[in-house]
Amino acid sequence: MLKKRGKGSNNKINILPGLEKLKESADFIHYKNDGNPGFYVNYFKSLIDVDILHRDILRYVSKSTTKKLSELKNELPIEVVMETSDVEFITDKIFRGFVFVQLENDLSNGLLIRAEKHSVRDVTIPEVEYSVIGPKESFVESYEVNLNLIRSRLPDSQLRLKQYKIGSLSRSKVGLLYMDGLTNQENVETVNQRLEDIDIDMLNDISNIAELISDSQLSPFPQLLDTERPDRTCAALAEGKVVILMDRSPHVLLGPTSLIEFFSSFEDYYIHWILASMFRLIRLVAVILSIVATPIYVAVLTYHHEVLPQDLIGTLVTSRRNVPFPPILEAIILELTIELLREAGARLPTKIGQTIGIVGGIVIGTAAVQAGLTSNILLIIVALSALGSFTTPIYNIGNTIRLIRFPLLIFGSLFGLLGVVICVVFILAHLIQLTSLGRPYMEPIYPFRFGDFRDAIVRLTLRERNTRPVYLRTQKPIRFPEPEKDNKSTDIYE
């Protein structure tokens, strides 16, 4: 029988020197087999699968008569069994769901037996990057499952993985994926060095890594693309990018990236190229209007009445007749109201959040116009601006767009259209000098690369996109040979 030795036992509990501190935790179990020979079994009951423990480990350990760990290792019906005496390695594995077994007559080493509990949700449809057409798989919180989703799509021997343990407390498992012989080694070494240089106690999510290894931590623009889609991840690897994944995080990071990529939905590659190009242009126009529409309204009403058509002036005067606030205050009130409704809808449970967003927007908007706190024209402009910010396929860039509207509003109220232009110039200057893993962030606009426009603002046909992006500097710039154009007509009856 296996007997648990508690604190009140008179017998001394033997354990590998260096592991005594684990006994201070209430969920750490230390068993001893009183047979001949005797075995010590150590594990955290909160981390291991009880069925595996009793069916595949204790059942064989209790009946074993061997006095050698190598023989016991061969008797166990478990694939992952390691013999070791490294205390640091043993401690790390015990915290990851391994059972540590020792011989009573030799406590200098032991067997680490994998028995971890898998408490991971099933692979489901993407929630943030949902698409009507295309695969319906998304990453989950399991490192191994995410690796499986990637490798099953890219069954190539060139796919390389480097692993790291980051965080003095969390010891988070982080992986770096890239295509050997294709990806630029400078990009791989850049990410490798930045991951090794991270010195932190705790990583909660992969977004912490994105913040720590970004080129500019002061910029509100995301410099690594965050995605939950395995198909997008594999496409990025095939392009020559690097991928960072982390255990217990349902997202991965792609880099280097450019600003244009944040406005491209991966569903664009599953529909006709003309439709995909049109939808991309719609998103870009919607985002630009979302950023500048309200600031231009404030600037024109404050300083530039003369640019308005005569017929429109009458409509604006009528709509603002009962509004006691200047345009800037009126716009800020509405913008903050929209942000409050958005935050309330996001933080509340799904059904309640949808109700708050729809009913709250209608009720508050109607009441604000009737009370004379705002004009109905500005209400329409702010609502359209909010809708425009929702068209971005990547969540992080949507947050950035929400933020930069406010500096534009303030500059527009202070200096009119000149202030809007000045603020836009500052933003563009910032974007031009911004980099992603050392690569230009505004490519292919700056530096101008005509060839990369084939999959930037518009998407051309698959046959015409036979080269990889220039800014990635891949070892294999050509994806596949360009098809030969045959202008000769062929008669099938000849």
Protein backbone atom coordinates (compact mmCIF):
# COMPACT_ATOMS: atom_id res chain seq x y z
CA MET A 1 0.00 0.00 0.00
CA LEU A 2 1.01 3.59 -0.60
CA LYS A 3 0.82 5.63 2.56
CA LYS A 4 0.78 9.37 2.88
CA ARG A 5 3.12 10.71 5.50
CA GLY A 6 1.66 13.78 7.13
CA LYS A 7 3.17 16.39 9.40
CA GLY A 8 2.17 14.47 12.49
CA SER A 9 4.02 11.29 11.47
CA ASN A 10 6.96 10.21 13.61
CA ASN A 11 8.75 8.74 10.59
CA LYS A 12 11.01 11.10 8.78
CA ILE A 13 9.91 11.87 5.22
CA ASN A 14 12.86 11.63 2.87
CA ILE A 15 12.93 13.81 -0.21
CA LEU A 16 15.55 14.94 -2.70
CA PRO A 17 17.57 17.78 -1.13
CA GLY A 18 16.32 21.04 -2.58
CA LEU A 19 12.69 19.95 -2.80
CA GLU A 20 11.90 20.33 0.92
CA LYS A 21 10.32 23.75 0.29
CA LEU A 22 7.58 22.11 -1.81
CA LYS A 23 6.28 20.32 1.31
CA GLU A 24 5.18 23.67 2.71
CA SER A 25 2.31 23.77 0.20
CA ALA A 26 -0.91 22.08 1.31
CA ASP A 27 -1.57 20.55 -2.12
CA PHE A 28 1.88 18.90 -2.36
CA ILE A 29 1.62 15.15 -1.80
CA HIS A 30 4.48 12.90 -0.67
CA TYR A 31 3.75 9.14 -0.74
CA LYS A 32 5.89 6.19 0.34
CA ASN A 33 5.54 2.56 -0.67
CA ASP A 34 6.29 0.37 2.32
CA GLY A 35 7.07 -2.63 0.12
CA ASN A 36 10.46 -3.94 -0.87
CA PRO A 37 11.91 -1.92 -2.37
CA GLY A 38 10.31 1.30 -1.18
CA PHE A 39 9.42 4.18 -3.50
CA TYR A 40 8.70 7.82 -2.80
CA VAL A 41 6.09 9.52 -5.00
CA ASN A 42 5.85 13.34 -5.09
CA TYR A 43 3.40 15.59 -6.94
CA PHE A 44 1.00 18.51 -6.71
CA LYS A 45 -2.53 17.10 -6.64
CA SER A 46 -3.92 20.29 -8.20
CA LEU A 47 -1.75 19.85 -11.31
CA ILE A 48 -1.95 16.15 -12.15
CA ASP A 49 -4.63 13.93 -13.69
CA VAL A 50 -5.81 11.57 -10.95
CA ASP A 51 -6.82 8.86 -13.44
CA ILE A 52 -3.33 8.78 -14.97
CA LEU A 53 -1.77 8.73 -11.50
CA HIS A 54 -3.71 5.70 -10.24
CA ARG A 55 -4.10 3.80 -13.52
CA ASP A 56 -0.66 4.24 -15.10
CA ILE A 57 1.72 5.15 -12.25
CA LEU A 58 0.76 3.99 -8.75
CA ARG A 59 -0.58 0.70 -10.05
CA TYR A 60 2.81 -0.26 -11.48
CA VAL A 61 4.97 1.38 -8.81
CA SER A 62 3.20 -0.45 -5.97
CA LYS A 63 3.65 -3.85 -7.67
CA SER A 64 7.21 -3.31 -8.86
CA THR A 65 10.02 -5.34 -7.30
CA THR A 66 12.87 -3.70 -9.21
CA LYS A 67 15.66 -1.85 -7.48
CA LYS A 68 16.74 0.15 -10.53
CA LEU A 69 15.07 3.27 -11.90
CA SER A 70 15.94 2.26 -15.46
CA GLU A 71 13.94 -0.98 -15.07
CA LEU A 72 11.00 0.81 -13.48
CA LYS A 73 11.06 3.30 -16.35
CA ASN A 74 10.55 0.44 -18.82
CA GLU A 75 7.64 -0.99 -16.80
CA LEU A 76 5.56 2.21 -16.88
CA PRO A 77 3.02 2.50 -19.77
CA ILE A 78 3.73 6.21 -20.21
CA GLU A 79 5.69 7.75 -23.06
CA VAL A 80 7.24 10.75 -21.27
CA VAL A 81 9.43 9.39 -18.45
CA MET A 82 12.78 11.04 -17.65
CA GLU A 83 15.50 10.01 -15.21
CA THR A 84 17.25 13.02 -13.69
CA SER A 85 18.87 14.49 -10.59
CA ASP A 86 18.71 18.16 -11.59
CA VAL A 87 16.78 19.81 -8.75
CA GLU A 88 15.87 22.93 -10.74
CA PHE A 89 14.62 20.85 -13.67
CA ILE A 90 12.65 18.56 -11.36
CA THR A 91 11.01 21.49 -9.58
CA ASP A 92 10.00 23.07 -12.89
CA LYS A 93 8.48 19.80 -14.17
CA ILE A 94 6.59 19.12 -10.94
CA PHE A 95 4.97 22.54 -11.31
CA ARG A 96 3.98 21.52 -14.86
CA GLY A 97 2.08 18.38 -13.89
CA PHE A 98 4.82 15.73 -13.57
CA VAL A 99 5.03 13.04 -10.85
CA PHE A 100 8.47 12.53 -9.31
CA VAL A 101 9.29 8.95 -8.18
CA GLN A 102 12.39 8.02 -6.14
CA LEU A 103 13.88 4.79 -4.83
CA GLU A 104 14.10 4.62 -1.04
CA ASN A 105 17.69 3.42 -1.16
CA ASP A 106 18.82 6.11 -3.64
CA LEU A 107 17.49 9.66 -3.16
CA SER A 108 20.11 11.25 -5.40
CA ASN A 109 17.92 11.00 -8.51
CA GLY A 110 14.47 9.88 -9.63
CA LEU A 111 11.93 9.54 -12.44
CA LEU A 112 9.82 12.36 -13.77
CA ILE A 113 6.55 10.97 -15.17
CA ARG A 114 4.17 13.13 -17.16
CA ALA A 115 0.64 13.17 -15.70
CA GLU A 116 -0.53 16.74 -16.27
CA LYS A 117 -4.18 17.71 -16.15
CA HIS A 118 -5.50 19.23 -19.40
CA SER A 119 -8.03 21.91 -18.52
CA VAL A 120 -8.27 23.59 -21.92
CA ARG A 121 -11.33 24.63 -23.89
CA ASP A 122 -12.04 23.11 -27.27
CA VAL A 123 -11.01 24.77 -30.53
CA THR A 124 -13.85 27.12 -31.47
CA ILE A 125 -14.66 29.71 -34.14
CA PRO A 126 -12.75 33.02 -34.05
CA GLU A 127 -14.54 35.67 -32.01
CA VAL A 128 -12.47 38.77 -32.77
CA GLU A 129 -11.50 38.01 -36.39
CA TYR A 130 -14.68 36.21 -37.40
CA SER A 131 -15.18 35.50 -41.10
CA VAL A 132 -18.21 34.21 -42.99
CA ILE A 133 -16.06 32.39 -45.55
CA GLY A 134 -12.97 30.38 -44.66
CA PRO A 135 -11.80 28.11 -41.81
CA LYS A 136 -13.60 28.30 -38.47
CA GLU A 137 -10.65 27.54 -36.19
CA SER A 138 -9.07 29.79 -33.60
CA PHE A 139 -6.20 29.43 -31.15
CA VAL A 140 -6.88 28.35 -27.56
CA GLU A 141 -4.96 28.70 -24.29
CA SER A 142 -2.90 25.54 -24.84
CA TYR A 143 0.63 25.88 -26.25
CA GLU A 144 0.62 22.33 -27.65
CA VAL A 145 -2.81 22.67 -29.26
CA ASN A 146 -1.78 25.94 -30.94
CA LEU A 147 1.41 24.32 -32.23
CA ASN A 148 -0.69 21.46 -33.60
CA LEU A 149 -2.97 23.90 -35.44
CA ILE A 150 0.08 25.51 -37.05
CA ARG A 151 2.05 22.38 -37.89
CA SER A 152 -0.99 20.61 -39.34
CA ARG A 153 -1.29 23.47 -41.85
CA LEU A 154 2.46 23.69 -42.49
CA PRO A 155 3.81 20.11 -42.46
CA ASP A 156 7.25 21.25 -43.57
CA SER A 157 10.63 20.31 -42.13
CA GLN A 158 11.78 23.93 -42.53
CA LEU A 159 9.40 25.10 -39.80
CA ARG A 160 11.61 25.77 -36.78
CA LEU A 161 10.68 26.35 -33.14
CA LYS A 162 12.76 28.01 -30.42
CA GLN A 163 11.44 27.86 -26.85
CA TYR A 164 11.96 30.17 -23.89
CA LYS A 165 10.96 30.30 -20.23
CA ILE A 166 10.15 33.93 -19.38
CA GLY A 167 9.18 35.28 -15.98
CA SER A 168 10.93 34.58 -12.70
CA LEU A 169 7.57 33.67 -11.11
CA SER A 170 5.32 32.60 -13.98
CA ARG A 171 7.99 30.65 -15.95
CA SER A 172 5.79 31.14 -19.02
CA LYS A 173 6.52 28.96 -22.02
CA VAL A 174 7.11 31.15 -25.09
CA GLY A 175 7.83 29.91 -28.60
CA LEU A 176 9.41 31.54 -31.66
CA LEU A 177 8.39 30.05 -35.02
CA TYR A 178 9.96 30.74 -38.41
CA MET A 179 10.72 29.06 -41.73
CA ASP A 180 14.38 28.11 -41.93
CA GLY A 181 15.92 28.97 -45.29
CA LEU A 182 13.15 31.45 -46.04
CA THR A 183 12.84 33.92 -43.16
CA ASN A 184 15.47 36.63 -42.90
CA GLN A 185 17.84 35.54 -40.13
CA GLU A 186 18.25 39.14 -39.01
CA ASN A 187 14.55 39.23 -38.09
CA VAL A 188 14.88 35.92 -36.24
CA GLU A 189 17.93 37.09 -34.29
CA THR A 190 16.24 40.40 -33.46
CA VAL A 191 13.25 38.67 -31.88
CA ASN A 192 15.45 36.01 -30.27
CA GLN A 193 17.62 38.66 -28.60
CA ARG A 194 14.65 40.71 -27.40
CA LEU A 195 12.94 37.65 -25.90
CA GLU A 196 16.14 36.60 -24.12
CA ASP A 197 16.57 40.13 -22.74
CA ILE A 198 13.14 40.18 -21.07
CA ASP A 199 13.60 40.30 -17.31
CA ILE A 200 10.22 40.30 -15.59
CA ASP A 201 8.50 38.41 -12.81
CA MET A 202 5.11 37.66 -14.39
CA LEU A 203 3.62 37.39 -17.89
CA ASN A 204 -0.16 37.35 -17.99
CA ASP A 205 -0.71 37.34 -21.74
CA ILE A 206 1.17 37.59 -25.01
CA SER A 207 0.21 41.27 -25.17
CA ASN A 208 2.80 41.81 -22.41
CA ILE A 209 5.46 40.43 -24.77
CA ALA A 210 4.24 42.70 -27.57
CA GLU A 211 4.76 45.70 -25.30
CA LEU A 212 8.19 44.57 -24.12
CA ILE A 213 9.74 43.80 -27.53
CA SER A 214 8.15 46.58 -29.63
CA ASP A 215 10.51 49.05 -31.26
CA SER A 216 8.76 52.05 -29.67
CA GLN A 217 6.89 51.48 -26.42
CA LEU A 218 5.70 55.11 -26.40
CA SER A 219 3.78 54.79 -29.68
CA PRO A 220 0.01 54.13 -29.53
CA PHE A 221 0.25 52.21 -32.81
CA PRO A 222 0.66 48.41 -32.48
CA GLN A 223 3.93 47.29 -34.06
CA LEU A 224 3.20 43.57 -33.99
CA LEU A 225 0.04 42.07 -35.44
CA ASP A 226 -2.05 40.15 -32.90
CA THR A 227 -4.17 37.35 -34.38
CA GLU A 228 -6.24 34.38 -33.22
CA ARG A 229 -6.43 32.72 -36.64
CA PRO A 230 -4.17 29.74 -37.52
CA ASP A 231 -4.66 30.33 -41.26
CA ARG A 232 -3.41 33.91 -40.99
CA THR A 233 -0.47 32.73 -38.89
CA CYS A 234 0.59 30.08 -41.41
CA ALA A 235 0.23 32.55 -44.28
CA ALA A 236 2.55 34.94 -42.39
CA LEU A 237 5.12 32.17 -41.89
CA ALA A 238 4.98 31.36 -45.60
CA GLU A 239 5.59 35.04 -46.33
CA GLY A 240 8.77 34.99 -44.27
CA LYS A 241 7.58 36.50 -41.00
CA VAL A 242 8.28 35.32 -37.47
CA VAL A 243 5.56 34.14 -35.10
CA ILE A 244 5.55 34.35 -31.30
CA LEU A 245 3.21 32.17 -29.26
CA MET A 246 2.81 31.76 -25.53
CA ASP A 247 1.25 29.16 -23.28
CA ARG A 248 -2.10 30.18 -21.76
CA SER A 249 -2.67 32.83 -24.43
CA PRO A 250 -5.21 32.34 -27.28
CA HIS A 251 -3.43 34.82 -29.57
CA VAL A 252 -0.08 34.89 -31.39
CA LEU A 253 2.09 37.78 -32.59
CA LEU A 254 3.23 38.26 -36.17
CA GLY A 255 6.12 40.46 -37.25
CA PRO A 256 7.52 42.43 -38.87
CA THR A 257 4.27 44.09 -39.92
CA SER A 258 3.12 47.27 -41.64
CA LEU A 259 0.27 49.68 -40.98
CA ILE A 260 -1.64 48.58 -44.10
CA GLU A 261 -1.90 45.00 -42.81
CA PHE A 262 -4.07 46.11 -39.89
CA PHE A 263 -6.83 47.06 -42.34
CA SER A 264 -6.75 43.75 -44.22
CA SER A 265 -9.16 41.05 -43.16
CA PHE A 266 -7.97 37.52 -43.89
CA GLU A 267 -11.39 36.85 -45.37
CA ASP A 268 -10.21 39.02 -48.29
CA TYR A 269 -8.19 36.02 -49.50
CA TYR A 270 -11.26 33.79 -49.66
CA ILE A 271 -13.36 35.99 -51.94
CA HIS A 272 -12.91 37.37 -55.44
CA TRP A 273 -10.02 39.81 -55.73
CA ILE A 274 -12.22 42.64 -57.07
CA LEU A 275 -14.59 42.36 -54.10
CA ALA A 276 -11.66 42.09 -51.67
CA SER A 277 -10.06 45.24 -53.11
CA MET A 278 -13.34 47.14 -52.88
CA PHE A 279 -13.86 46.13 -49.23
CA ARG A 280 -10.30 47.18 -48.34
CA LEU A 281 -10.84 50.60 -49.92
CA ILE A 282 -14.13 50.94 -48.02
CA ARG A 283 -12.33 50.17 -44.74
CA LEU A 284 -9.57 52.70 -45.43
CA VAL A 285 -12.06 55.43 -46.37
CA ALA A 286 -14.17 54.62 -43.30
CA VAL A 287 -11.14 54.85 -41.00
CA ILE A 288 -9.98 58.15 -42.50
CA LEU A 289 -13.48 59.63 -42.12
CA SER A 290 -13.65 58.26 -38.58
CA ILE A 291 -10.47 60.16 -37.70
CA VAL A 292 -11.05 63.53 -39.40
CA ALA A 293 -14.85 63.95 -39.79
CA THR A 294 -15.61 65.36 -36.32
CA PRO A 295 -12.44 67.55 -36.13
CA ILE A 296 -13.26 69.08 -39.54
CA TYR A 297 -16.82 69.77 -38.39
CA VAL A 298 -15.53 71.57 -35.29
CA ALA A 299 -12.87 73.48 -37.24
CA VAL A 300 -15.28 74.65 -39.97
CA LEU A 301 -18.01 75.78 -37.55
CA THR A 302 -15.48 77.59 -35.36
CA TYR A 303 -13.32 79.37 -37.96
CA HIS A 304 -14.27 78.62 -41.55
CA HIS A 305 -17.96 79.36 -42.16
CA GLU A 306 -17.12 80.74 -45.60
CA VAL A 307 -16.23 77.28 -46.99
CA LEU A 308 -19.76 76.01 -46.43
CA PRO A 309 -22.38 76.14 -49.21
CA GLN A 310 -25.12 78.70 -48.62
CA ASP A 311 -27.84 76.04 -48.42
CA LEU A 312 -25.91 74.00 -45.84
CA ILE A 313 -25.33 77.03 -43.59
CA GLY A 314 -29.06 77.41 -43.04
CA THR A 315 -29.39 73.75 -42.05
CA LEU A 316 -26.47 74.00 -39.61
CA VAL A 317 -27.79 77.21 -38.04
CA THR A 318 -31.21 75.61 -37.56
CA SER A 319 -29.75 72.46 -35.99
CA ARG A 320 -27.60 74.47 -33.57
CA ARG A 321 -30.13 77.14 -32.70
CA ASN A 322 -30.89 75.76 -29.23
CA VAL A 323 -27.41 74.38 -28.45
CA PRO A 324 -25.75 76.47 -25.68
CA PHE A 325 -22.24 74.96 -26.09
CA PRO A 326 -19.46 75.77 -28.55
CA PRO A 327 -18.79 73.08 -31.20
CA ILE A 328 -15.73 71.64 -29.42
CA LEU A 329 -17.58 71.05 -26.15
CA GLU A 330 -20.56 69.66 -28.01
CA ALA A 331 -18.30 67.23 -29.92
CA ILE A 332 -16.39 66.10 -26.81
CA ILE A 333 -19.66 65.40 -24.96
CA LEU A 334 -20.89 63.20 -27.79
CA GLU A 335 -17.55 61.46 -28.31
CA LEU A 336 -17.27 60.64 -24.60
CA THR A 337 -20.87 59.40 -24.60
CA ILE A 338 -20.08 57.04 -27.48
CA GLU A 339 -16.99 55.79 -25.64
CA LEU A 340 -19.01 55.23 -22.45
CA LEU A 341 -21.62 53.22 -24.35
CA ARG A 342 -18.87 51.20 -26.04
CA GLU A 343 -17.12 50.41 -22.76
CA ALA A 344 -20.40 49.54 -21.05
CA GLY A 345 -21.35 47.19 -23.88
CA ALA A 346 -17.94 45.52 -23.80
CA ARG A 347 -17.77 44.99 -20.02
CA LEU A 348 -21.34 43.80 -19.42
CA PRO A 349 -22.54 40.26 -20.22
CA THR A 350 -23.20 39.73 -23.94
CA LYS A 351 -27.00 39.98 -23.99
CA ILE A 352 -27.11 42.95 -21.61
CA GLY A 353 -24.22 44.65 -23.42
CA GLN A 354 -26.00 44.46 -26.79
CA THR A 355 -29.14 45.94 -25.24
CA ILE A 356 -27.22 48.77 -23.60
CA GLY A 357 -25.41 49.60 -26.84
CA ILE A 358 -28.54 49.74 -29.00
CA VAL A 359 -31.15 51.13 -26.58
CA GLY A 360 -28.68 53.42 -24.82
CA GLY A 361 -27.49 54.93 -28.10
CA ILE A 362 -31.01 55.58 -29.36
CA VAL A 363 -32.38 56.92 -26.08
CA ILE A 364 -29.40 59.11 -25.17
CA GLY A 365 -28.98 60.43 -28.72
CA THR A 366 -32.65 61.35 -29.08
CA ALA A 367 -32.79 62.89 -25.60
CA ALA A 368 -29.61 64.92 -26.18
CA VAL A 369 -30.99 66.45 -29.39
CA GLN A 370 -34.40 67.20 -27.87
CA ALA A 371 -32.80 68.74 -24.79
CA GLY A 372 -30.69 71.05 -26.98
CA LEU A 373 -27.37 69.67 -25.72
CA THR A 374 -26.18 68.79 -29.22
CA SER A 375 -27.21 69.17 -32.84
CA ASN A 376 -28.63 66.31 -34.87
CA ILE A 377 -26.01 66.83 -37.61
CA LEU A 378 -23.11 66.35 -35.19
CA LEU A 379 -24.88 63.32 -33.75
CA ILE A 380 -24.93 61.75 -37.23
CA ILE A 381 -21.25 62.60 -37.83
CA VAL A 382 -20.12 61.14 -34.49
CA ALA A 383 -22.21 58.00 -35.03
CA LEU A 384 -20.68 57.50 -38.49
CA SER A 385 -17.21 58.06 -37.05
CA ALA A 386 -17.86 55.37 -34.45
CA LEU A 387 -19.08 52.98 -37.16
CA GLY A 388 -15.98 53.72 -39.22
CA SER A 389 -13.70 52.71 -36.34
CA PHE A 390 -15.52 49.35 -36.12
CA THR A 391 -14.54 48.40 -39.67
CA THR A 392 -10.94 47.59 -38.72
CA PRO A 393 -10.40 43.80 -38.69
CA ILE A 394 -7.69 44.00 -35.98
CA TYR A 395 -8.93 45.08 -32.55
CA ASN A 396 -5.75 46.87 -31.41
CA ILE A 397 -5.66 49.34 -34.31
CA GLY A 398 -9.31 50.21 -33.61
CA ASN A 399 -8.34 51.36 -30.13
CA THR A 400 -5.60 53.55 -31.60
CA ILE A 401 -8.08 55.19 -33.98
CA ARG A 402 -10.39 55.93 -31.05
CA LEU A 403 -7.52 57.65 -29.24
CA ILE A 404 -6.08 59.88 -31.99
CA ARG A 405 -9.47 61.50 -32.72
CA PHE A 406 -9.20 63.54 -29.52
CA PRO A 407 -5.89 65.34 -30.31
CA LEU A 408 -7.31 66.17 -33.74
CA LEU A 409 -10.43 67.60 -32.09
CA ILE A 410 -8.38 69.82 -29.79
CA PHE A 411 -6.11 71.05 -32.59
CA GLY A 412 -9.13 71.72 -34.80
CA SER A 413 -10.82 73.80 -32.10
CA LEU A 414 -7.64 75.82 -31.42
CA PHE A 415 -6.33 76.48 -34.94
CA GLY A 416 -9.10 75.46 -37.32
CA LEU A 417 -8.32 73.42 -40.43
CA LEU A 418 -4.67 74.42 -40.11
CA GLY A 419 -4.62 72.72 -36.70
CA VAL A 420 -6.12 69.55 -38.18
CA VAL A 421 -3.46 69.55 -40.90
CA ILE A 422 -0.67 70.14 -38.36
CA CYS A 423 -1.88 67.24 -36.21
CA VAL A 424 -2.15 64.95 -39.24
CA VAL A 425 1.40 65.90 -40.26
CA PHE A 426 2.67 65.04 -36.77
CA ILE A 427 0.94 61.65 -36.94
CA LEU A 428 2.35 60.93 -40.41
CA ALA A 429 5.84 61.98 -39.31
CA HIS A 430 5.57 59.61 -36.36
CA LEU A 431 4.40 56.76 -38.61
CA ILE A 432 7.20 57.33 -41.12
CA GLN A 433 9.91 57.01 -38.47
CA LEU A 434 8.17 54.06 -36.77
CA THR A 435 9.54 50.54 -37.35
CA SER A 436 8.43 46.99 -36.68
CA LEU A 437 11.37 44.80 -35.67
CA GLY A 438 13.58 47.27 -37.49
CA ARG A 439 11.52 47.23 -40.71
CA PRO A 440 9.63 50.29 -42.07
CA TYR A 441 6.11 50.52 -40.65
CA MET A 442 4.64 52.53 -43.54
CA GLU A 443 5.83 50.20 -46.30
CA PRO A 444 4.89 50.11 -49.23
CA ILE A 445 3.87 53.79 -49.03
CA TYR A 446 7.18 54.85 -47.46
CA PRO A 447 9.61 53.75 -48.65
CA PHE A 448 7.64 53.45 -51.87
CA ARG A 449 7.63 49.90 -53.21
CA PHE A 450 5.41 49.54 -56.25
CA GLY A 451 5.61 45.74 -56.27
CA ASP A 452 4.20 45.42 -52.74
CA PHE A 453 1.05 47.33 -53.72
CA ARG A 454 -0.19 44.07 -55.25
CA ASP A 455 -1.37 43.07 -51.78
CA ALA A 456 -1.68 46.35 -49.88
CA ILE A 457 -4.44 48.87 -50.50
CA VAL A 458 -5.89 46.54 -53.16
CA ARG A 459 -5.51 42.80 -53.59
CA LEU A 460 -4.63 41.43 -57.00
CA THR A 461 -5.15 37.87 -58.17
CA LEU A 462 -3.22 35.01 -56.59
CA ARG A 463 -1.17 34.43 -59.76
CA GLU A 464 0.02 38.05 -59.72
CA ARG A 465 1.13 37.85 -56.09
CA ASN A 466 4.04 35.52 -56.74
CA THR A 467 6.64 37.52 -54.77
CA ARG A 468 7.04 38.04 -51.04
CA PRO A 469 7.01 41.56 -49.52
CA VAL A 470 10.29 43.37 -50.18
CA TYR A 471 10.59 44.84 -46.67
CA LEU A 472 10.81 41.34 -45.15
CA ARG A 473 14.10 40.74 -47.04
CA THR A 474 13.40 37.01 -47.26
CA GLN A 475 15.93 34.49 -48.50
CA LYS A 476 13.47 33.37 -51.18
CA PRO A 477 11.74 36.45 -52.64
CA ILE A 478 9.85 34.41 -55.27
CA ARG A 479 6.92 32.38 -53.96
CA PHE A 480 6.24 30.55 -57.21
CA PRO A 481 7.18 31.07 -60.88
CA GLU A 482 5.16 33.64 -62.75
CA PRO A 483 2.85 31.82 -65.19
CA GLU A 484 3.68 32.22 -68.84
CA LYS A 485 1.19 34.24 -70.84
CA ASP A 486 0.03 32.46 -73.94
CA ASN A 487 -1.79 34.75 -76.36
CA LYS A 488 -2.47 32.02 -78.89
CA SER A 489 -6.10 30.99 -79.16
CA THR A 490 -6.77 27.28 -78.99
CA ASP A 491 -9.60 25.54 -80.78
CA ILE A 492 -10.71 22.47 -78.87
CA TYR A 493 -11.99 20.91 -82.08
CA GLU A 494 -8.64 21.03 -83.85
